[in-house]
């Protein structure tokens, strides 16, 4: 007769089996990334302008998903939704995030287009399907091997990050008026600031500044 415990798997054995499967999956993802990276380097060199392949993008998404702790998905956004919160988050995004992600979240910015891999389209399904807690975790902790840094570490940063989650949810419905307001709050370079100052002086009745034109070459 067989033992009455035949066919039963003890909890400790189940944990070991689950841990073993996770390790195997991690090894597969890492090997896949290495192979794809090697092929990409052989094809495109080390240029950051190269477009990631579909397989490379899929492996990167899987690596991101595996990096997020399981408990992160269960976190609830403690910041209530309101027009004031949304505007605060929108202006914060314009000042801190749009340089890479663009005001509309598309990632189509000068800095974003120079990163490899490119920033994801925050309006797309692959981002919007994430839970609030997962998006919060990414903002707070960043993503290794990408251009996404960590913005967490303080209570104030957590408040800002939860507000940004509200705004990221709103990105697919961003209005032209909201985008124009964001453009006024994007970081300005010296030339932009000088131009704004000239416009303010002109509106106050000041003289119009003539811009220096490059000298013409006579043949």
Protein backbone atom coordinates (compact mmCIF):
# COMPACT_ATOMS: atom_id res chain seq x y z
CA UNK A 1 0.00 0.00 0.00
CA UNK A 2 1.18 3.49 -0.71
CA UNK A 3 1.52 6.05 2.01
CA UNK A 4 -1.48 8.31 2.56
CA UNK A 5 0.92 11.22 1.96
CA UNK A 6 1.74 10.02 -1.57
CA UNK A 7 1.02 12.71 -4.17
CA UNK A 8 0.97 15.53 -1.60
CA UNK A 9 3.42 18.43 -1.92
CA UNK A 10 4.43 20.13 1.29
CA UNK A 11 4.32 23.96 1.50
CA UNK A 12 8.11 24.11 1.78
CA UNK A 13 8.41 22.08 -1.43
CA UNK A 14 5.89 24.35 -3.16
CA UNK A 15 7.90 27.45 -2.19
CA UNK A 16 11.09 25.82 -3.44
CA UNK A 17 9.43 24.91 -6.74
CA UNK A 18 8.04 28.46 -7.17
CA UNK A 19 11.42 29.96 -6.35
CA UNK A 20 13.10 27.63 -8.80
CA UNK A 21 10.68 28.57 -11.59
CA UNK A 22 11.25 32.28 -10.90
CA UNK A 23 15.03 31.85 -11.08
CA UNK A 24 14.74 29.93 -14.35
CA UNK A 25 12.52 32.67 -15.83
CA UNK A 26 14.99 35.35 -14.74
CA UNK A 27 17.86 33.44 -16.33
CA UNK A 28 15.88 33.06 -19.57
CA UNK A 29 15.07 36.80 -19.67
CA UNK A 30 18.68 37.79 -18.95
CA UNK A 31 20.03 35.41 -21.62
CA UNK A 32 17.43 36.71 -24.06
CA UNK A 33 18.41 40.32 -23.38
CA UNK A 34 22.09 39.49 -23.83
CA UNK A 35 21.44 37.73 -27.12
CA UNK A 36 19.25 40.54 -28.45
CA UNK A 37 21.76 43.16 -27.27
CA UNK A 38 24.58 41.32 -29.03
CA UNK A 39 22.58 41.11 -32.28
CA UNK A 40 21.62 44.78 -31.98
CA UNK A 41 25.25 45.83 -31.44
CA UNK A 42 26.40 43.79 -34.44
CA UNK A 43 23.68 45.33 -36.59
CA UNK A 44 23.61 48.95 -35.38
CA UNK A 45 26.80 49.31 -33.37
CA UNK A 46 26.53 51.18 -30.07
CA UNK A 47 24.38 53.98 -31.45
CA UNK A 48 21.60 55.17 -29.14
CA UNK A 49 19.66 56.27 -32.23
CA UNK A 50 18.94 52.70 -33.27
CA UNK A 51 15.34 51.57 -32.96
CA UNK A 52 14.86 48.61 -30.59
CA UNK A 53 13.59 45.44 -32.24
CA UNK A 54 10.18 44.04 -31.33
CA UNK A 55 11.79 41.18 -29.42
CA UNK A 56 14.04 43.59 -27.55
CA UNK A 57 11.06 45.75 -26.56
CA UNK A 58 9.14 42.67 -25.39
CA UNK A 59 12.05 41.44 -23.26
CA UNK A 60 12.52 44.92 -21.80
CA UNK A 61 8.82 45.03 -20.81
CA UNK A 62 9.11 41.60 -19.22
CA UNK A 63 12.22 42.63 -17.33
CA UNK A 64 10.41 45.73 -16.05
CA UNK A 65 7.43 43.66 -14.96
CA UNK A 66 9.66 41.21 -13.10
CA UNK A 67 11.52 44.05 -11.37
CA UNK A 68 8.33 45.46 -9.81
CA UNK A 69 7.60 43.81 -6.43
CA UNK A 70 4.38 41.82 -6.26
CA UNK A 71 3.06 43.98 -3.41
CA UNK A 72 3.38 47.18 -5.44
CA UNK A 73 0.37 46.32 -7.56
CA UNK A 74 -1.90 46.30 -4.51
CA UNK A 75 -1.07 49.86 -3.37
CA UNK A 76 -3.97 52.30 -3.64
CA UNK A 77 -3.58 55.95 -4.60
CA UNK A 78 -4.16 58.00 -1.41
CA UNK A 79 -4.42 61.27 -3.35
CA UNK A 80 -8.05 62.08 -4.25
CA UNK A 81 -8.88 63.06 -7.81
CA UNK A 82 -9.70 66.74 -8.27
CA UNK A 83 -9.07 69.49 -10.87
CA UNK A 84 -6.62 71.17 -8.48
CA UNK A 85 -4.60 67.98 -7.93
CA UNK A 86 -4.58 67.26 -11.66
CA UNK A 87 -3.34 70.76 -12.51
CA UNK A 88 -0.63 70.57 -9.84
CA UNK A 89 0.54 67.23 -11.27
CA UNK A 90 0.34 68.55 -14.84
CA UNK A 91 2.63 71.49 -14.10
CA UNK A 92 4.99 69.24 -12.12
CA UNK A 93 5.16 66.87 -15.10
CA UNK A 94 5.84 69.80 -17.45
CA UNK A 95 8.72 71.02 -15.28
CA UNK A 96 10.32 67.69 -14.34
CA UNK A 97 9.22 64.91 -16.72
CA UNK A 98 8.38 66.43 -20.11
CA UNK A 99 12.05 66.89 -21.02
CA UNK A 100 12.17 63.13 -21.70
CA UNK A 101 8.51 62.08 -21.95
CA UNK A 102 7.20 65.17 -23.83
CA UNK A 103 4.18 67.12 -22.58
CA UNK A 104 1.75 64.63 -24.10
CA UNK A 105 3.57 61.57 -22.71
CA UNK A 106 4.54 60.30 -26.18
CA UNK A 107 8.28 60.34 -25.45
CA UNK A 108 8.79 62.34 -28.66
CA UNK A 109 11.20 64.94 -27.26
CA UNK A 110 14.79 65.88 -28.07
CA UNK A 111 16.05 64.17 -24.90
CA UNK A 112 13.67 61.21 -25.23
CA UNK A 113 14.65 60.54 -28.83
CA UNK A 114 18.30 60.39 -27.74
CA UNK A 115 17.73 57.69 -25.11
CA UNK A 116 18.05 53.95 -25.67
CA UNK A 117 15.67 52.37 -25.11
CA UNK A 118 13.31 55.22 -25.91
CA UNK A 119 10.85 56.31 -23.20
CA UNK A 120 7.57 54.40 -23.51
CA UNK A 121 4.43 56.12 -24.75
CA UNK A 122 2.69 56.73 -21.42
CA UNK A 123 -0.68 56.95 -23.19
CA UNK A 124 -0.37 53.45 -24.66
CA UNK A 125 -1.88 50.23 -23.32
CA UNK A 126 1.42 48.84 -22.01
CA UNK A 127 1.62 51.69 -19.47
CA UNK A 128 -2.07 52.29 -18.86
CA UNK A 129 -2.65 48.61 -18.04
CA UNK A 130 -0.29 48.90 -15.06
CA UNK A 131 -1.92 49.41 -11.67
CA UNK A 132 -1.60 52.74 -9.85
CA UNK A 133 0.79 51.10 -7.40
CA UNK A 134 3.04 49.79 -10.18
CA UNK A 135 3.26 53.20 -11.86
CA UNK A 136 3.98 54.78 -8.46
CA UNK A 137 6.76 52.24 -7.81
CA UNK A 138 8.42 53.00 -11.16
CA UNK A 139 8.36 56.77 -10.49
CA UNK A 140 9.76 56.30 -7.00
CA UNK A 141 12.42 53.68 -7.82
CA UNK A 142 13.25 54.12 -11.48
CA UNK A 143 14.04 51.30 -13.91
CA UNK A 144 17.53 49.88 -14.22
CA UNK A 145 19.30 49.83 -17.61
CA UNK A 146 17.02 52.59 -18.93
CA UNK A 147 17.05 56.38 -18.72
CA UNK A 148 14.33 56.34 -16.01
CA UNK A 149 15.89 57.58 -12.74
CA UNK A 150 14.55 57.24 -9.22
CA UNK A 151 12.58 60.23 -7.91
CA UNK A 152 11.69 58.75 -4.52
CA UNK A 153 13.05 58.74 -1.02
CA UNK A 154 10.99 61.33 0.87
CA UNK A 155 7.41 61.83 2.02
CA UNK A 156 7.05 64.85 -0.27
CA UNK A 157 8.29 62.84 -3.25
CA UNK A 158 5.68 60.17 -2.54
CA UNK A 159 2.93 62.79 -2.58
CA UNK A 160 4.22 64.14 -5.90
CA UNK A 161 4.52 60.63 -7.34
CA UNK A 162 0.94 59.73 -6.46
CA UNK A 163 -0.23 63.00 -8.07
CA UNK A 164 1.77 62.11 -11.19
CA UNK A 165 -0.05 58.77 -11.32
CA UNK A 166 -3.31 60.74 -11.54
CA UNK A 167 -1.90 62.80 -14.42
CA UNK A 168 -0.53 59.78 -16.29
CA UNK A 169 -4.03 58.28 -16.18
CA UNK A 170 -5.31 61.56 -17.69
CA UNK A 171 -2.74 61.73 -20.52
CA UNK A 172 -4.94 59.99 -23.15
CA UNK A 173 -7.52 62.78 -22.62
CA UNK A 174 -5.04 65.69 -22.53
CA UNK A 175 -6.62 68.80 -24.09
CA UNK A 176 -4.87 71.35 -26.35
CA UNK A 177 -5.42 74.02 -23.67
CA UNK A 178 -3.72 71.88 -21.03
CA UNK A 179 -0.82 71.20 -23.36
CA UNK A 180 -0.36 74.93 -24.05
CA UNK A 181 -0.28 75.61 -20.31
CA UNK A 182 2.37 72.91 -19.94
CA UNK A 183 4.50 74.48 -22.67
CA UNK A 184 4.58 77.71 -20.67
CA UNK A 185 5.91 75.75 -17.69
CA UNK A 186 8.54 73.70 -19.49
CA UNK A 187 12.16 74.42 -18.41
CA UNK A 188 13.53 77.36 -20.40
CA UNK A 189 16.98 77.74 -21.89
CA UNK A 190 18.91 81.06 -21.96
CA UNK A 191 17.66 81.91 -25.47
CA UNK A 192 14.03 81.26 -24.51
CA UNK A 193 14.35 83.41 -21.39
CA UNK A 194 15.95 86.24 -23.37
CA UNK A 195 13.15 86.10 -25.94
CA UNK A 196 10.50 86.18 -23.21
CA UNK A 197 12.19 89.19 -21.61
CA UNK A 198 12.23 91.02 -24.97
CA UNK A 199 8.53 90.29 -25.43
CA UNK A 200 7.72 91.63 -21.95
CA UNK A 201 9.74 94.82 -22.61
CA UNK A 202 7.98 95.28 -25.96
CA UNK A 203 4.55 94.90 -24.35
CA UNK A 204 5.54 97.54 -21.79
CA UNK A 205 6.44 99.95 -24.59
CA UNK A 206 10.18 99.36 -24.67
CA UNK A 207 12.31 99.47 -27.83
CA UNK A 208 12.40 96.47 -30.14
CA UNK A 209 15.73 94.65 -29.96
CA UNK A 210 17.27 93.97 -33.35
CA UNK A 211 18.70 90.48 -33.55
CA UNK A 212 22.19 90.20 -34.89
CA UNK A 213 22.24 88.44 -38.24
CA UNK A 214 25.23 86.43 -39.37
CA UNK A 215 27.47 88.38 -41.76
CA UNK A 216 26.90 87.80 -45.49
CA UNK A 217 29.78 86.51 -47.53
CA UNK A 218 30.37 88.49 -50.73
CA UNK A 219 31.77 86.70 -53.70
